[in-house]
């Protein structure tokens, strides 16, 4: 038995139309530029802290938008990195700007506390460290940061208690910080 499909032109036109309609169906949009490369490269071993970090994205990034703290839900790790390895004073300025936008953000409070401490302003840092912990999230790094602030203020017993708590929350929360917590406990 044979089946006759008819003239191929209408069938071909129907297939082309179907493909065109499928191509026109909206797909989930990539709402953000994606990171495609970095220098230093992700995962590379570096001998010293780089003076510059270059990020390459799938599309141009507006520097004014990228530099505005209110455009980030959580840019605070940048301030913590800056406090530890860059300019603590710059980290304070950036963290204070983030705090002005999100004073109730646990990450912002912790970052501001750590930046102030790194800048030698531990007395000013303590209320922000306390606020970070009062917002309900008990992270080992937050408790450690508060412990370091207390240690700098000479409140040794409280600092040791904080270090003990940080290590109880997560004994491996950070290679350098966990070692420092153990050092404070031993001292």
C-alpha atoms as a PDB file:
ATOM      1  CA  UNK A   1       0.000   0.000   0.000  1.00  0.00           C
ATOM      2  CA  UNK A   2       1.226   3.453  -0.942  1.00  0.00           C
ATOM      3  CA  UNK A   3       0.495   6.737   0.726  1.00  0.00           C
ATOM      4  CA  UNK A   4       0.629   9.861  -1.378  1.00  0.00           C
ATOM      5  CA  UNK A   5       1.625  13.001   0.530  1.00  0.00           C
ATOM      6  CA  UNK A   6       0.883  15.461  -2.198  1.00  0.00           C
ATOM      7  CA  UNK A   7       3.065  18.210  -3.589  1.00  0.00           C
ATOM      8  CA  UNK A   8       6.324  18.691  -1.589  1.00  0.00           C
ATOM      9  CA  UNK A   9       6.215  22.526  -1.666  1.00  0.00           C
ATOM     10  CA  UNK A  10       3.370  22.913   0.912  1.00  0.00           C
ATOM     11  CA  UNK A  11       5.030  20.311   3.148  1.00  0.00           C
ATOM     12  CA  UNK A  12       8.376  22.118   2.903  1.00  0.00           C
ATOM     13  CA  UNK A  13       6.699  25.468   3.594  1.00  0.00           C
ATOM     14  CA  UNK A  14       4.966  23.954   6.623  1.00  0.00           C
ATOM     15  CA  UNK A  15       8.263  22.634   7.985  1.00  0.00           C
ATOM     16  CA  UNK A  16       9.978  25.994   7.466  1.00  0.00           C
ATOM     17  CA  UNK A  17       7.089  27.734   9.226  1.00  0.00           C
ATOM     18  CA  UNK A  18       7.250  25.269  12.141  1.00  0.00           C
ATOM     19  CA  UNK A  19      11.011  25.798  12.538  1.00  0.00           C
ATOM     20  CA  UNK A  20      10.565  29.568  12.384  1.00  0.00           C
ATOM     21  CA  UNK A  21       7.855  29.459  15.052  1.00  0.00           C
ATOM     22  CA  UNK A  22      10.012  27.304  17.306  1.00  0.00           C
ATOM     23  CA  UNK A  23      12.920  29.708  16.871  1.00  0.00           C
ATOM     24  CA  UNK A  24      10.643  32.617  17.781  1.00  0.00           C
ATOM     25  CA  UNK A  25       9.456  31.047  21.040  1.00  0.00           C
ATOM     26  CA  UNK A  26      11.033  33.009  23.861  1.00  0.00           C
ATOM     27  CA  UNK A  27      13.628  31.143  25.891  1.00  0.00           C
ATOM     28  CA  UNK A  28      14.851  32.120  29.354  1.00  0.00           C
ATOM     29  CA  UNK A  29      16.982  35.189  28.862  1.00  0.00           C
ATOM     30  CA  UNK A  30      20.468  35.471  30.211  1.00  0.00           C
ATOM     31  CA  UNK A  31      19.690  38.422  32.462  1.00  0.00           C
ATOM     32  CA  UNK A  32      23.272  39.061  33.448  1.00  0.00           C
ATOM     33  CA  UNK A  33      26.630  39.205  31.803  1.00  0.00           C
ATOM     34  CA  UNK A  34      28.531  35.991  32.426  1.00  0.00           C
ATOM     35  CA  UNK A  35      32.150  35.899  33.490  1.00  0.00           C
ATOM     36  CA  UNK A  36      34.244  34.274  30.749  1.00  0.00           C
ATOM     37  CA  UNK A  37      37.799  34.854  31.975  1.00  0.00           C
ATOM     38  CA  UNK A  38      39.886  36.444  34.688  1.00  0.00           C
ATOM     39  CA  UNK A  39      43.492  37.499  35.128  1.00  0.00           C
ATOM     40  CA  UNK A  40      44.904  36.040  37.297  1.00  0.00           C
ATOM     41  CA  UNK A  41      43.033  32.977  36.054  1.00  0.00           C
ATOM     42  CA  UNK A  42      40.562  31.235  38.336  1.00  0.00           C
ATOM     43  CA  UNK A  43      42.383  28.578  40.357  1.00  0.00           C
ATOM     44  CA  UNK A  44      45.865  29.785  39.466  1.00  0.00           C
ATOM     45  CA  UNK A  45      48.591  29.853  42.091  1.00  0.00           C
ATOM     46  CA  UNK A  46      49.910  33.354  42.737  1.00  0.00           C
ATOM     47  CA  UNK A  47      53.082  34.219  44.609  1.00  0.00           C
ATOM     48  CA  UNK A  48      51.810  37.546  45.937  1.00  0.00           C
ATOM     49  CA  UNK A  49      48.625  39.555  46.104  1.00  0.00           C
ATOM     50  CA  UNK A  50      47.934  40.979  42.648  1.00  0.00           C
ATOM     51  CA  UNK A  51      47.750  44.741  42.263  1.00  0.00           C
ATOM     52  CA  UNK A  52      45.109  44.329  39.570  1.00  0.00           C
ATOM     53  CA  UNK A  53      42.316  41.882  38.790  1.00  0.00           C
ATOM     54  CA  UNK A  54      40.878  41.812  35.285  1.00  0.00           C
ATOM     55  CA  UNK A  55      37.486  40.238  34.648  1.00  0.00           C
ATOM     56  CA  UNK A  56      36.128  39.555  31.152  1.00  0.00           C
ATOM     57  CA  UNK A  57      32.371  39.221  30.640  1.00  0.00           C
ATOM     58  CA  UNK A  58      30.120  38.122  27.769  1.00  0.00           C
ATOM     59  CA  UNK A  59      28.998  41.714  27.254  1.00  0.00           C
ATOM     60  CA  UNK A  60      30.194  45.216  28.161  1.00  0.00           C
ATOM     61  CA  UNK A  61      29.795  46.248  31.789  1.00  0.00           C
ATOM     62  CA  UNK A  62      28.955  49.847  32.663  1.00  0.00           C
ATOM     63  CA  UNK A  63      31.629  51.012  35.155  1.00  0.00           C
ATOM     64  CA  UNK A  64      29.227  53.387  36.934  1.00  0.00           C
ATOM     65  CA  UNK A  65      26.702  50.600  37.494  1.00  0.00           C
ATOM     66  CA  UNK A  66      29.376  48.089  38.470  1.00  0.00           C
ATOM     67  CA  UNK A  67      30.896  50.525  40.963  1.00  0.00           C
ATOM     68  CA  UNK A  68      27.633  51.402  42.712  1.00  0.00           C
ATOM     69  CA  UNK A  69      27.219  49.363  45.925  1.00  0.00           C
ATOM     70  CA  UNK A  70      23.419  49.479  45.820  1.00  0.00           C
ATOM     71  CA  UNK A  71      23.493  47.323  42.672  1.00  0.00           C
ATOM     72  CA  UNK A  72      24.802  44.320  44.599  1.00  0.00           C
ATOM     73  CA  UNK A  73      22.898  42.029  46.889  1.00  0.00           C
ATOM     74  CA  UNK A  74      26.114  40.914  48.521  1.00  0.00           C
ATOM     75  CA  UNK A  75      29.308  42.664  47.485  1.00  0.00           C
ATOM     76  CA  UNK A  76      30.728  42.496  50.989  1.00  0.00           C
ATOM     77  CA  UNK A  77      33.291  39.800  50.271  1.00  0.00           C
ATOM     78  CA  UNK A  78      35.092  42.407  48.183  1.00  0.00           C
ATOM     79  CA  UNK A  79      35.407  44.609  51.268  1.00  0.00           C
ATOM     80  CA  UNK A  80      36.662  41.730  53.396  1.00  0.00           C
ATOM     81  CA  UNK A  81      39.260  40.883  50.734  1.00  0.00           C
ATOM     82  CA  UNK A  82      40.238  44.550  50.514  1.00  0.00           C
ATOM     83  CA  UNK A  83      40.525  44.775  54.309  1.00  0.00           C
ATOM     84  CA  UNK A  84      42.773  41.707  54.449  1.00  0.00           C
ATOM     85  CA  UNK A  85      44.900  42.149  51.333  1.00  0.00           C
ATOM     86  CA  UNK A  86      44.423  45.647  50.006  1.00  0.00           C
ATOM     87  CA  UNK A  87      43.581  48.937  51.640  1.00  0.00           C
ATOM     88  CA  UNK A  88      41.629  48.657  54.917  1.00  0.00           C
ATOM     89  CA  UNK A  89      40.764  52.361  54.675  1.00  0.00           C
ATOM     90  CA  UNK A  90      39.250  51.876  51.219  1.00  0.00           C
ATOM     91  CA  UNK A  91      37.378  48.831  52.511  1.00  0.00           C
ATOM     92  CA  UNK A  92      35.908  51.002  55.295  1.00  0.00           C
ATOM     93  CA  UNK A  93      34.693  53.616  52.804  1.00  0.00           C
ATOM     94  CA  UNK A  94      33.108  50.970  50.561  1.00  0.00           C
ATOM     95  CA  UNK A  95      31.561  49.057  53.466  1.00  0.00           C
ATOM     96  CA  UNK A  96      30.172  52.297  54.940  1.00  0.00           C
ATOM     97  CA  UNK A  97      28.560  53.050  51.562  1.00  0.00           C
ATOM     98  CA  UNK A  98      27.012  49.577  51.539  1.00  0.00           C
ATOM     99  CA  UNK A  99      25.829  50.071  55.131  1.00  0.00           C
ATOM    100  CA  UNK A 100      24.126  53.341  54.155  1.00  0.00           C
ATOM    101  CA  UNK A 101      22.090  51.337  51.617  1.00  0.00           C
ATOM    102  CA  UNK A 102      21.550  48.147  53.696  1.00  0.00           C
ATOM    103  CA  UNK A 103      22.025  48.766  57.435  1.00  0.00           C
ATOM    104  CA  UNK A 104      20.109  45.618  58.357  1.00  0.00           C
ATOM    105  CA  UNK A 105      22.155  43.306  56.137  1.00  0.00           C
ATOM    106  CA  UNK A 106      24.110  40.777  58.189  1.00  0.00           C
ATOM    107  CA  UNK A 107      26.905  40.557  55.596  1.00  0.00           C
ATOM    108  CA  UNK A 108      27.277  44.332  55.385  1.00  0.00           C
ATOM    109  CA  UNK A 109      27.499  44.663  59.177  1.00  0.00           C
ATOM    110  CA  UNK A 110      30.144  41.938  59.352  1.00  0.00           C
ATOM    111  CA  UNK A 111      32.131  43.428  56.461  1.00  0.00           C
ATOM    112  CA  UNK A 112      32.054  46.898  58.012  1.00  0.00           C
ATOM    113  CA  UNK A 113      33.164  45.504  61.371  1.00  0.00           C
ATOM    114  CA  UNK A 114      36.033  43.613  59.777  1.00  0.00           C
ATOM    115  CA  UNK A 115      37.112  46.581  57.637  1.00  0.00           C
ATOM    116  CA  UNK A 116      37.095  48.923  60.649  1.00  0.00           C
ATOM    117  CA  UNK A 117      39.088  46.387  62.674  1.00  0.00           C
ATOM    118  CA  UNK A 118      41.615  45.945  59.836  1.00  0.00           C
ATOM    119  CA  UNK A 119      41.970  49.742  59.705  1.00  0.00           C
ATOM    120  CA  UNK A 120      42.867  49.789  63.405  1.00  0.00           C
ATOM    121  CA  UNK A 121      39.442  51.041  64.498  1.00  0.00           C
ATOM    122  CA  UNK A 122      38.338  48.080  66.622  1.00  0.00           C
ATOM    123  CA  UNK A 123      36.383  50.217  69.094  1.00  0.00           C
ATOM    124  CA  UNK A 124      34.186  51.421  66.222  1.00  0.00           C
ATOM    125  CA  UNK A 125      34.024  47.887  64.791  1.00  0.00           C
ATOM    126  CA  UNK A 126      32.505  46.166  67.818  1.00  0.00           C
ATOM    127  CA  UNK A 127      28.911  47.475  67.482  1.00  0.00           C
ATOM    128  CA  UNK A 128      28.803  46.304  63.851  1.00  0.00           C
ATOM    129  CA  UNK A 129      30.209  42.885  64.784  1.00  0.00           C
ATOM    130  CA  UNK A 130      27.576  42.632  67.528  1.00  0.00           C
ATOM    131  CA  UNK A 131      24.853  43.713  65.095  1.00  0.00           C
ATOM    132  CA  UNK A 132      25.936  41.104  62.531  1.00  0.00           C
ATOM    133  CA  UNK A 133      25.532  38.350  65.112  1.00  0.00           C
ATOM    134  CA  UNK A 134      22.261  39.743  66.462  1.00  0.00           C
ATOM    135  CA  UNK A 135      20.627  39.455  63.028  1.00  0.00           C
ATOM    136  CA  UNK A 136      20.300  35.703  63.477  1.00  0.00           C
ATOM    137  CA  UNK A 137      22.966  34.169  61.262  1.00  0.00           C
ATOM    138  CA  UNK A 138      25.719  32.430  63.255  1.00  0.00           C
ATOM    139  CA  UNK A 139      28.573  31.919  60.822  1.00  0.00           C
ATOM    140  CA  UNK A 140      31.994  30.915  62.046  1.00  0.00           C
ATOM    141  CA  UNK A 141      33.589  33.792  60.151  1.00  0.00           C
ATOM    142  CA  UNK A 142      31.261  36.354  61.780  1.00  0.00           C
ATOM    143  CA  UNK A 143      32.023  35.003  65.252  1.00  0.00           C
ATOM    144  CA  UNK A 144      35.740  34.921  64.418  1.00  0.00           C
ATOM    145  CA  UNK A 145      35.674  38.544  63.227  1.00  0.00           C
ATOM    146  CA  UNK A 146      34.004  39.604  66.467  1.00  0.00           C
ATOM    147  CA  UNK A 147      36.576  37.581  68.432  1.00  0.00           C
ATOM    148  CA  UNK A 148      39.443  39.337  66.689  1.00  0.00           C
ATOM    149  CA  UNK A 149      37.869  42.719  67.462  1.00  0.00           C
ATOM    150  CA  UNK A 150      37.523  41.726  71.125  1.00  0.00           C
ATOM    151  CA  UNK A 151      41.129  40.486  71.179  1.00  0.00           C
ATOM    152  CA  UNK A 152      42.351  43.815  69.775  1.00  0.00           C
ATOM    153  CA  UNK A 153      40.405  45.593  72.522  1.00  0.00           C
ATOM    154  CA  UNK A 154      42.144  43.507  75.181  1.00  0.00           C
ATOM    155  CA  UNK A 155      38.978  41.609  76.095  1.00  0.00           C
ATOM    156  CA  UNK A 156      40.855  38.313  76.114  1.00  0.00           C
ATOM    157  CA  UNK A 157      38.305  36.063  77.828  1.00  0.00           C
ATOM    158  CA  UNK A 158      35.517  37.180  75.490  1.00  0.00           C
ATOM    159  CA  UNK A 159      37.834  36.819  72.497  1.00  0.00           C
ATOM    160  CA  UNK A 160      38.713  33.254  73.499  1.00  0.00           C
ATOM    161  CA  UNK A 161      35.040  32.396  73.966  1.00  0.00           C
ATOM    162  CA  UNK A 162      34.300  33.750  70.487  1.00  0.00           C
ATOM    163  CA  UNK A 163      37.164  31.751  68.964  1.00  0.00           C
ATOM    164  CA  UNK A 164      35.929  28.597  70.680  1.00  0.00           C
ATOM    165  CA  UNK A 165      32.428  29.223  69.325  1.00  0.00           C
ATOM    166  CA  UNK A 166      33.722  29.873  65.792  1.00  0.00           C
ATOM    167  CA  UNK A 167      35.628  26.584  65.833  1.00  0.00           C
ATOM    168  CA  UNK A 168      32.589  24.740  67.222  1.00  0.00           C
ATOM    169  CA  UNK A 169      30.410  26.109  64.419  1.00  0.00           C
ATOM    170  CA  UNK A 170      32.924  24.969  61.803  1.00  0.00           C
ATOM    171  CA  UNK A 171      36.469  23.885  62.724  1.00  0.00           C
ATOM    172  CA  UNK A 172      37.572  24.327  59.099  1.00  0.00           C
ATOM    173  CA  UNK A 173      35.779  27.596  58.281  1.00  0.00           C
ATOM    174  CA  UNK A 174      38.983  29.141  56.908  1.00  0.00           C
ATOM    175  CA  UNK A 175      42.524  27.853  56.716  1.00  0.00           C
ATOM    176  CA  UNK A 176      44.213  31.043  57.954  1.00  0.00           C
ATOM    177  CA  UNK A 177      41.399  32.209  60.240  1.00  0.00           C
ATOM    178  CA  UNK A 178      40.870  28.834  61.916  1.00  0.00           C
ATOM    179  CA  UNK A 179      44.616  28.710  62.633  1.00  0.00           C
ATOM    180  CA  UNK A 180      44.460  32.246  64.037  1.00  0.00           C
ATOM    181  CA  UNK A 181      41.442  31.284  66.192  1.00  0.00           C
ATOM    182  CA  UNK A 182      43.451  28.365  67.632  1.00  0.00           C
ATOM    183  CA  UNK A 183      46.392  30.716  68.234  1.00  0.00           C
ATOM    184  CA  UNK A 184      44.199  33.159  70.187  1.00  0.00           C
ATOM    185  CA  UNK A 185      42.781  30.261  72.208  1.00  0.00           C
ATOM    186  CA  UNK A 186      46.274  29.038  73.043  1.00  0.00           C
ATOM    187  CA  UNK A 187      47.528  32.492  74.005  1.00  0.00           C
END
